[in-house]
Amino acid sequence: MGRLTVLVLAGLLAACGEAPPPPVSAPQGAALKTAAVELRDIELTTSAEAVMEAVRQSTVSAQIAGRIVELRFDVGDYVKKGDVIVRIDERSAARALEASEAQVLEAQAALTNARANYERSRQLLAQKFISQAALDQAEAAYKAAQARVRALVAGAGAAATERSFATVVAPYSGVVSARHVELGEMATPGRPLMTGFDPATLRVVATVPQAQVAAIQAGGKARIEIPSLGRWVDVKTMTIVPQADPRTHTSRIRLELPTEVRGVVPGVYARAHFVVGRAPALLVPRAAVLRRSEVTAVYVVDGENRVHLRQVRLGSAGDEASVEVLAGLKPGERVALEPVKAGIGQPGA
């Protein structure tokens, strides 16, 4: 039976009232790294489950109908603002634009003729060769030609705008999180093409009981724990959403993260730790804690360099480096920072 197993069993026997085996000295030549158990003031926190979300996340959709002829990016690709992400067959839109431009040319020619006719009519009226009614008719034709040109120019502009919709560009720099179409499929107005988010603008949304909102607001400080990355992040700003859920009696709090946070994506699970006060607490380094099944323990190194396995009870306070100890240790005692190494090479291994 390995020494580590023996010592863990010793802790279990001690918990059951049976005497554990005597402590043993640390192996020769294997100097253990130790740290002192400290009693110091810490920030009292209350934690809540949270989820990561992007402040800027959007789905780009088609604005014209046509076959998809090019897909330049896929899921996970980084896209810069203004990059072309999808191209739709623009031949139909191009023909419509050509027709609109031809109509504009035709209307402009008619306008030139109407203007010349109006000018001639004015001169003829001055010479008493035509009536005022004839001049009014020529003026009306001239104004109608002007209006037709303006209408057709606007129509040509709309056709040009619709043609530009065949080239879909990224509205901002970000990462593609979903692609909703395949090459060769038919795009229709409103059909989603790609979804993306800006990784530089992330926030965490936590759900907390309404009874804790006042204390959280008074503390005004929070940290985010990301278990999947083993990281803690300081919150940039905190916003309490002014709305509560009447069914669960909870409120949502938005926590904005700094821009330098990397490696997280929307939907990642997180825990929000809100500061609600300060109090003294006994702290032990997290690296010193050994967990085996139902046993939580540390290796205590005494003044004679002997190793003791000590079962402890941990609290919820602390940070990424230390954790609160409720029972099992005293201030000033030294614990091994490498618990596995502390248990290797002992008698019975």
Protein backbone atom coordinates (compact mmCIF):
# COMPACT_ATOMS: atom_id res chain seq x y z
CA MET A 1 0.00 0.00 0.00
CA GLY A 2 1.41 3.40 -0.95
CA ARG A 3 2.43 5.88 1.72
CA LEU A 4 -0.07 8.49 0.48
CA THR A 5 -2.91 5.98 0.83
CA VAL A 6 -1.73 5.07 4.35
CA LEU A 7 -1.74 8.69 5.45
CA VAL A 8 -5.17 9.36 3.98
CA LEU A 9 -6.51 6.31 5.78
CA ALA A 10 -4.88 7.61 8.93
CA GLY A 11 -6.91 10.76 8.65
CA LEU A 12 -10.08 8.71 8.23
CA LEU A 13 -9.21 6.62 11.28
CA ALA A 14 -8.59 9.75 13.29
CA ALA A 15 -11.99 11.06 12.30
CA CYS A 16 -13.50 7.78 13.54
CA GLY A 17 -11.78 8.07 16.94
CA GLU A 18 -8.95 5.58 16.26
CA ALA A 19 -5.35 6.64 16.80
CA PRO A 20 -3.45 7.43 13.57
CA PRO A 21 0.08 6.10 12.99
CA PRO A 22 2.89 8.27 14.36
CA PRO A 23 4.19 11.11 12.18
CA VAL A 24 7.30 10.48 10.11
CA SER A 25 10.11 12.71 8.95
CA ALA A 26 10.24 14.11 5.47
CA PRO A 27 12.44 12.09 3.10
CA GLN A 28 16.10 12.96 3.06
CA GLY A 29 17.11 15.26 0.18
CA ALA A 30 13.49 16.13 -0.54
CA ALA A 31 13.12 19.59 0.95
CA LEU A 32 9.43 20.40 1.01
CA LYS A 33 8.15 23.83 0.06
CA THR A 34 6.01 25.12 2.88
CA ALA A 35 3.89 28.14 3.69
CA ALA A 36 2.46 29.50 6.92
CA VAL A 37 -1.21 29.44 7.82
CA GLU A 38 -2.22 33.10 8.15
CA LEU A 39 -4.93 34.96 9.99
CA ARG A 40 -5.74 38.16 8.12
CA ASP A 41 -8.60 40.40 7.09
CA ILE A 42 -10.23 39.36 3.85
CA GLU A 43 -13.13 40.55 1.79
CA LEU A 44 -16.33 38.68 2.51
CA THR A 45 -18.00 37.61 -0.69
CA THR A 46 -21.17 36.04 -1.89
CA SER A 47 -21.02 33.98 -5.04
CA ALA A 48 -23.47 33.39 -7.83
CA GLU A 49 -23.53 31.32 -10.97
CA ALA A 50 -22.98 33.28 -14.15
CA VAL A 51 -22.49 32.87 -17.87
CA MET A 52 -20.24 34.65 -20.34
CA GLU A 53 -21.83 36.65 -23.14
CA ALA A 54 -20.65 39.05 -25.84
CA VAL A 55 -21.72 42.68 -25.75
CA ARG A 56 -21.51 42.77 -29.55
CA GLN A 57 -22.89 39.63 -31.15
CA SER A 58 -24.94 39.65 -34.31
CA THR A 59 -26.23 37.50 -37.13
CA VAL A 60 -25.66 38.79 -40.66
CA SER A 61 -28.56 38.04 -43.01
CA ALA A 62 -29.09 38.25 -46.75
CA GLN A 63 -30.83 41.35 -48.14
CA ILE A 64 -31.34 40.09 -51.71
CA ALA A 65 -32.20 36.80 -53.35
CA GLY A 66 -29.53 34.87 -55.19
CA ARG A 67 -27.27 31.85 -55.16
CA ILE A 68 -24.33 31.91 -52.76
CA VAL A 69 -21.17 31.85 -54.86
CA GLU A 70 -18.47 32.44 -52.25
CA LEU A 71 -17.94 31.83 -48.53
CA ARG A 72 -14.68 33.34 -47.38
CA PHE A 73 -14.78 32.47 -43.67
CA ASP A 74 -15.86 29.61 -41.46
CA VAL A 75 -16.50 28.96 -37.78
CA GLY A 76 -13.58 30.06 -35.60
CA ASP A 77 -12.06 32.42 -38.17
CA TYR A 78 -11.16 35.95 -37.14
CA VAL A 79 -12.69 38.60 -39.41
CA LYS A 80 -11.69 42.24 -39.64
CA LYS A 81 -14.23 45.02 -40.02
CA GLY A 82 -15.11 45.52 -43.70
CA ASP A 83 -13.86 42.09 -44.84
CA VAL A 84 -16.05 40.35 -47.41
CA ILE A 85 -17.54 37.27 -45.75
CA VAL A 86 -20.17 36.12 -48.30
CA ARG A 87 -20.80 36.83 -51.98
CA ILE A 88 -24.21 36.30 -53.59
CA ASP A 89 -24.76 35.98 -57.34
CA GLU A 90 -25.29 39.58 -58.46
CA ARG A 91 -26.18 39.05 -62.14
CA SER A 92 -29.89 39.69 -61.66
CA ALA A 93 -29.21 42.83 -59.60
CA ALA A 94 -26.67 44.01 -62.18
CA ARG A 95 -29.20 43.66 -65.03
CA ALA A 96 -31.75 45.62 -63.01
CA LEU A 97 -29.18 48.37 -62.44
CA GLU A 98 -28.37 48.53 -66.16
CA ALA A 99 -32.06 48.86 -66.98
CA SER A 100 -32.46 51.67 -64.44
CA GLU A 101 -29.45 53.52 -65.79
CA ALA A 102 -30.81 53.22 -69.37
CA GLN A 103 -34.13 54.68 -68.24
CA VAL A 104 -32.27 57.58 -66.64
CA LEU A 105 -30.48 58.30 -69.93
CA GLU A 106 -33.78 58.20 -71.78
CA ALA A 107 -35.41 60.56 -69.27
CA GLN A 108 -32.48 62.95 -69.43
CA ALA A 109 -32.79 63.13 -73.23
CA ALA A 110 -36.52 63.82 -72.88
CA LEU A 111 -35.72 66.52 -70.33
CA THR A 112 -33.30 68.22 -72.70
CA ASN A 113 -35.95 68.26 -75.40
CA ALA A 114 -38.62 69.56 -72.99
CA ARG A 115 -36.29 72.33 -71.82
CA ALA A 116 -35.57 73.41 -75.39
CA ASN A 117 -39.28 73.36 -76.25
CA TYR A 118 -40.07 75.48 -73.22
CA GLU A 119 -37.42 78.05 -74.13
CA ARG A 120 -38.75 78.25 -77.72
CA SER A 121 -42.28 78.66 -76.45
CA ARG A 122 -41.24 81.59 -74.28
CA GLN A 123 -39.63 83.29 -77.25
CA LEU A 124 -42.68 82.65 -79.47
CA LEU A 125 -45.00 84.03 -76.81
CA ALA A 126 -42.89 87.19 -76.62
CA GLN A 127 -43.34 87.56 -80.39
CA LYS A 128 -47.09 86.90 -80.07
CA PHE A 129 -46.89 83.73 -82.22
CA ILE A 130 -48.43 81.41 -79.57
CA SER A 131 -50.90 81.79 -76.74
CA GLN A 132 -50.19 81.72 -73.01
CA ALA A 133 -51.90 78.35 -72.82
CA ALA A 134 -49.33 76.86 -75.21
CA LEU A 135 -46.52 78.21 -73.05
CA ASP A 136 -48.12 76.78 -69.91
CA GLN A 137 -48.36 73.40 -71.60
CA ALA A 138 -44.67 73.50 -72.56
CA GLU A 139 -43.72 74.51 -69.00
CA ALA A 140 -45.75 71.65 -67.53
CA ALA A 141 -44.06 69.17 -69.88
CA TYR A 142 -40.67 70.54 -68.83
CA LYS A 143 -41.40 70.17 -65.10
CA ALA A 144 -42.78 66.65 -65.64
CA ALA A 145 -39.57 65.70 -67.43
CA GLN A 146 -37.52 67.04 -64.49
CA ALA A 147 -39.59 65.02 -62.01
CA ARG A 148 -39.23 61.88 -64.11
CA VAL A 149 -35.45 62.26 -64.20
CA ARG A 150 -35.30 62.65 -60.40
CA ALA A 151 -37.49 59.59 -59.89
CA LEU A 152 -35.45 57.43 -62.26
CA VAL A 153 -32.15 58.61 -60.74
CA ALA A 154 -33.47 57.59 -57.31
CA GLY A 155 -34.55 54.23 -58.75
CA ALA A 156 -31.10 53.71 -60.24
CA GLY A 157 -29.57 54.51 -56.84
CA ALA A 158 -31.81 51.94 -55.20
CA ALA A 159 -30.81 49.38 -57.83
CA ALA A 160 -27.14 50.15 -57.20
CA THR A 161 -27.68 49.77 -53.45
CA GLU A 162 -29.43 46.44 -53.96
CA ARG A 163 -26.57 45.25 -56.11
CA SER A 164 -24.12 46.13 -53.33
CA PHE A 165 -26.05 43.79 -51.03
CA ALA A 166 -24.64 40.90 -53.05
CA THR A 167 -21.33 41.53 -51.27
CA VAL A 168 -21.80 40.94 -47.53
CA VAL A 169 -19.14 42.53 -45.32
CA ALA A 170 -18.35 42.24 -41.61
CA PRO A 171 -19.90 45.08 -39.58
CA TYR A 172 -17.10 44.90 -36.98
CA SER A 173 -13.99 42.86 -36.21
CA GLY A 174 -14.72 39.57 -34.49
CA VAL A 175 -14.85 35.79 -34.57
CA VAL A 176 -17.29 33.69 -36.58
CA SER A 177 -19.30 31.55 -34.16
CA ALA A 178 -21.77 29.97 -36.62
CA ARG A 179 -22.22 29.55 -40.37
CA HIS A 180 -25.82 29.01 -41.42
CA VAL A 181 -25.44 28.38 -45.19
CA GLU A 182 -23.43 26.28 -47.60
CA LEU A 183 -21.85 27.19 -50.91
CA GLY A 184 -24.40 26.99 -53.72
CA GLU A 185 -27.48 27.37 -51.54
CA MET A 186 -30.12 29.97 -52.32
CA ALA A 187 -30.10 33.12 -50.24
CA THR A 188 -33.36 34.95 -49.64
CA PRO A 189 -33.97 38.29 -47.91
CA GLY A 190 -33.80 37.76 -44.16
CA ARG A 191 -32.07 34.37 -44.27
CA PRO A 192 -29.21 34.18 -41.71
CA LEU A 193 -25.76 33.77 -43.24
CA MET A 194 -23.20 33.97 -40.41
CA THR A 195 -23.12 34.77 -36.70
CA GLY A 196 -20.14 36.39 -35.03
CA PHE A 197 -19.08 38.18 -31.87
CA ASP A 198 -16.43 40.66 -30.81
CA PRO A 199 -14.07 38.93 -28.31
CA ALA A 200 -12.84 42.31 -27.07
CA THR A 201 -16.25 43.18 -25.62
CA LEU A 202 -17.23 40.39 -23.23
CA ARG A 203 -19.27 40.51 -20.08
CA VAL A 204 -20.61 38.11 -17.49
CA VAL A 205 -24.25 37.97 -16.49
CA ALA A 206 -24.93 36.67 -12.99
CA THR A 207 -28.25 35.84 -11.37
CA VAL A 208 -28.50 36.71 -7.67
CA PRO A 209 -31.30 36.60 -5.07
CA GLN A 210 -33.11 39.92 -4.70
CA ALA A 211 -32.29 39.98 -0.97
CA GLN A 212 -28.56 40.25 -1.77
CA VAL A 213 -28.80 43.06 -4.31
CA ALA A 214 -28.53 45.86 -1.73
CA ALA A 215 -25.38 44.41 -0.13
CA ILE A 216 -23.80 43.80 -3.54
CA GLN A 217 -24.59 47.35 -4.63
CA ALA A 218 -23.08 48.72 -1.41
CA GLY A 219 -19.89 46.68 -1.87
CA GLY A 220 -19.53 47.82 -5.47
CA LYS A 221 -16.78 45.31 -6.23
CA ALA A 222 -16.67 41.87 -7.78
CA ARG A 223 -14.35 39.27 -9.28
CA ILE A 224 -15.04 36.58 -11.83
CA GLU A 225 -13.86 33.00 -11.53
CA ILE A 226 -13.60 31.02 -14.77
CA PRO A 227 -13.29 27.36 -13.68
CA SER A 228 -12.56 26.02 -17.17
CA LEU A 229 -9.45 28.23 -17.39
CA GLY A 230 -8.55 28.26 -13.70
CA ARG A 231 -8.48 32.05 -13.81
CA TRP A 232 -9.80 34.94 -11.77
CA VAL A 233 -10.55 38.26 -13.44
CA ASP A 234 -11.22 41.67 -11.91
CA VAL A 235 -14.48 43.23 -13.04
CA LYS A 236 -14.26 46.50 -14.94
CA THR A 237 -17.78 47.79 -14.27
CA MET A 238 -20.89 46.36 -12.64
CA THR A 239 -24.47 47.11 -13.70
CA ILE A 240 -27.53 45.89 -11.86
CA VAL A 241 -30.34 45.34 -14.35
CA PRO A 242 -33.38 47.29 -13.07
CA GLN A 243 -35.73 44.35 -13.44
CA ALA A 244 -36.49 41.32 -11.29
CA ASP A 245 -37.91 37.90 -12.09
CA PRO A 246 -41.18 37.53 -10.11
CA ARG A 247 -41.09 33.74 -10.36
CA THR A 248 -37.56 33.11 -9.04
CA HIS A 249 -37.20 36.37 -7.05
CA THR A 250 -33.80 36.98 -8.61
CA SER A 251 -32.11 39.88 -10.36
CA ARG A 252 -29.48 39.96 -13.10
CA ILE A 253 -26.16 41.74 -12.77
CA ARG A 254 -23.95 42.53 -15.76
CA LEU A 255 -20.20 42.48 -15.13
CA GLU A 256 -18.00 43.95 -17.85
CA LEU A 257 -14.60 42.32 -18.31
CA PRO A 258 -11.35 44.07 -19.30
CA THR A 259 -10.30 43.84 -22.93
CA GLU A 260 -7.17 41.79 -22.19
CA VAL A 261 -9.17 38.70 -21.23
CA ARG A 262 -8.47 35.96 -23.77
CA GLY A 263 -9.50 32.37 -24.23
CA VAL A 264 -13.17 32.79 -23.27
CA VAL A 265 -16.19 32.67 -25.54
CA PRO A 266 -19.91 33.37 -25.06
CA GLY A 267 -21.70 30.65 -23.12
CA VAL A 268 -18.75 29.72 -20.88
CA TYR A 269 -19.74 28.98 -17.28
CA ALA A 270 -18.37 31.36 -14.65
CA ARG A 271 -18.85 32.25 -10.99
CA ALA A 272 -19.24 35.82 -9.82
CA HIS A 273 -17.88 36.70 -6.38
CA PHE A 274 -19.38 39.93 -4.99
CA VAL A 275 -17.75 41.76 -2.10
CA VAL A 276 -20.22 42.38 0.76
CA GLY A 277 -17.85 43.25 3.65
CA ARG A 278 -14.56 42.45 5.45
CA ALA A 279 -13.70 40.09 8.32
CA PRO A 280 -10.67 38.17 9.71
CA ALA A 281 -10.21 34.63 8.42
CA LEU A 282 -7.67 31.82 8.69
CA LEU A 283 -6.21 31.15 5.24
CA VAL A 284 -4.23 28.27 3.78
CA PRO A 285 -2.76 28.11 0.24
CA ARG A 286 -4.99 26.24 -2.19
CA ALA A 287 -1.95 24.32 -3.45
CA ALA A 288 -1.57 22.71 -0.01
CA VAL A 289 -5.05 21.20 0.04
CA LEU A 290 -5.32 17.48 -0.69
CA ARG A 291 -8.68 16.01 -1.69
CA ARG A 292 -9.25 12.26 -1.75
CA SER A 293 -12.85 11.03 -1.96
CA GLU A 294 -14.60 12.53 1.08
CA VAL A 295 -11.37 13.59 2.79
CA THR A 296 -9.99 17.13 2.67
CA ALA A 297 -6.61 17.43 4.33
CA VAL A 298 -3.21 19.13 4.38
CA TYR A 299 0.27 17.97 5.33
CA VAL A 300 1.52 19.92 8.36
CA VAL A 301 5.31 20.13 8.78
CA ASP A 302 6.38 20.63 12.41
CA GLY A 303 9.59 22.11 13.81
CA GLU A 304 11.39 18.76 13.57
CA ASN A 305 10.61 18.42 9.87
CA ARG A 306 8.04 15.73 10.52
CA VAL A 307 4.99 15.44 8.30
CA HIS A 308 1.49 15.14 9.76
CA LEU A 309 -1.63 14.52 7.76
CA ARG A 310 -4.29 16.87 9.12
CA GLN A 311 -7.93 16.72 8.14
CA VAL A 312 -9.41 20.21 7.68
CA ARG A 313 -12.75 21.83 7.00
CA LEU A 314 -12.72 24.60 4.43
CA GLY A 315 -14.96 27.62 4.08
CA SER A 316 -16.14 29.52 1.03
CA ALA A 317 -14.04 32.67 1.48
CA GLY A 318 -10.69 33.26 -0.18
CA ASP A 319 -9.28 33.94 -3.61
CA GLU A 320 -7.42 32.15 -6.40
CA ALA A 321 -4.35 31.62 -4.15
CA SER A 322 -5.83 30.96 -0.68
CA VAL A 323 -8.90 29.40 0.86
CA GLU A 324 -10.52 29.85 4.27
CA VAL A 325 -9.99 27.16 6.93
CA LEU A 326 -12.83 26.72 9.43
CA ALA A 327 -11.27 23.88 11.50
CA GLY A 328 -8.14 21.75 11.69
CA LEU A 329 -5.34 24.35 11.64
CA LYS A 330 -3.92 27.13 13.80
CA PRO A 331 -2.27 30.42 12.78
CA GLY A 332 1.47 30.06 12.24
CA GLU A 333 1.49 26.34 11.43
CA ARG A 334 3.34 25.46 8.24
CA VAL A 335 1.84 23.29 5.54
CA ALA A 336 3.44 21.52 2.58
CA LEU A 337 2.72 23.18 -0.76
CA GLU A 338 3.35 19.87 -2.56
CA PRO A 339 1.07 17.39 -0.76
CA VAL A 340 1.70 14.55 -3.19
CA LYS A 341 5.47 14.89 -2.79
CA ALA A 342 5.03 15.06 0.99
CA GLY A 343 3.41 11.64 1.03
CA ILE A 344 5.90 9.87 -1.28
CA GLY A 345 8.73 7.77 0.10
CA GLN A 346 7.30 7.24 3.56
CA PRO A 347 7.49 3.83 5.32
CA GLY A 348 4.97 1.38 4.02
CA ALA A 349 5.27 2.62 0.44
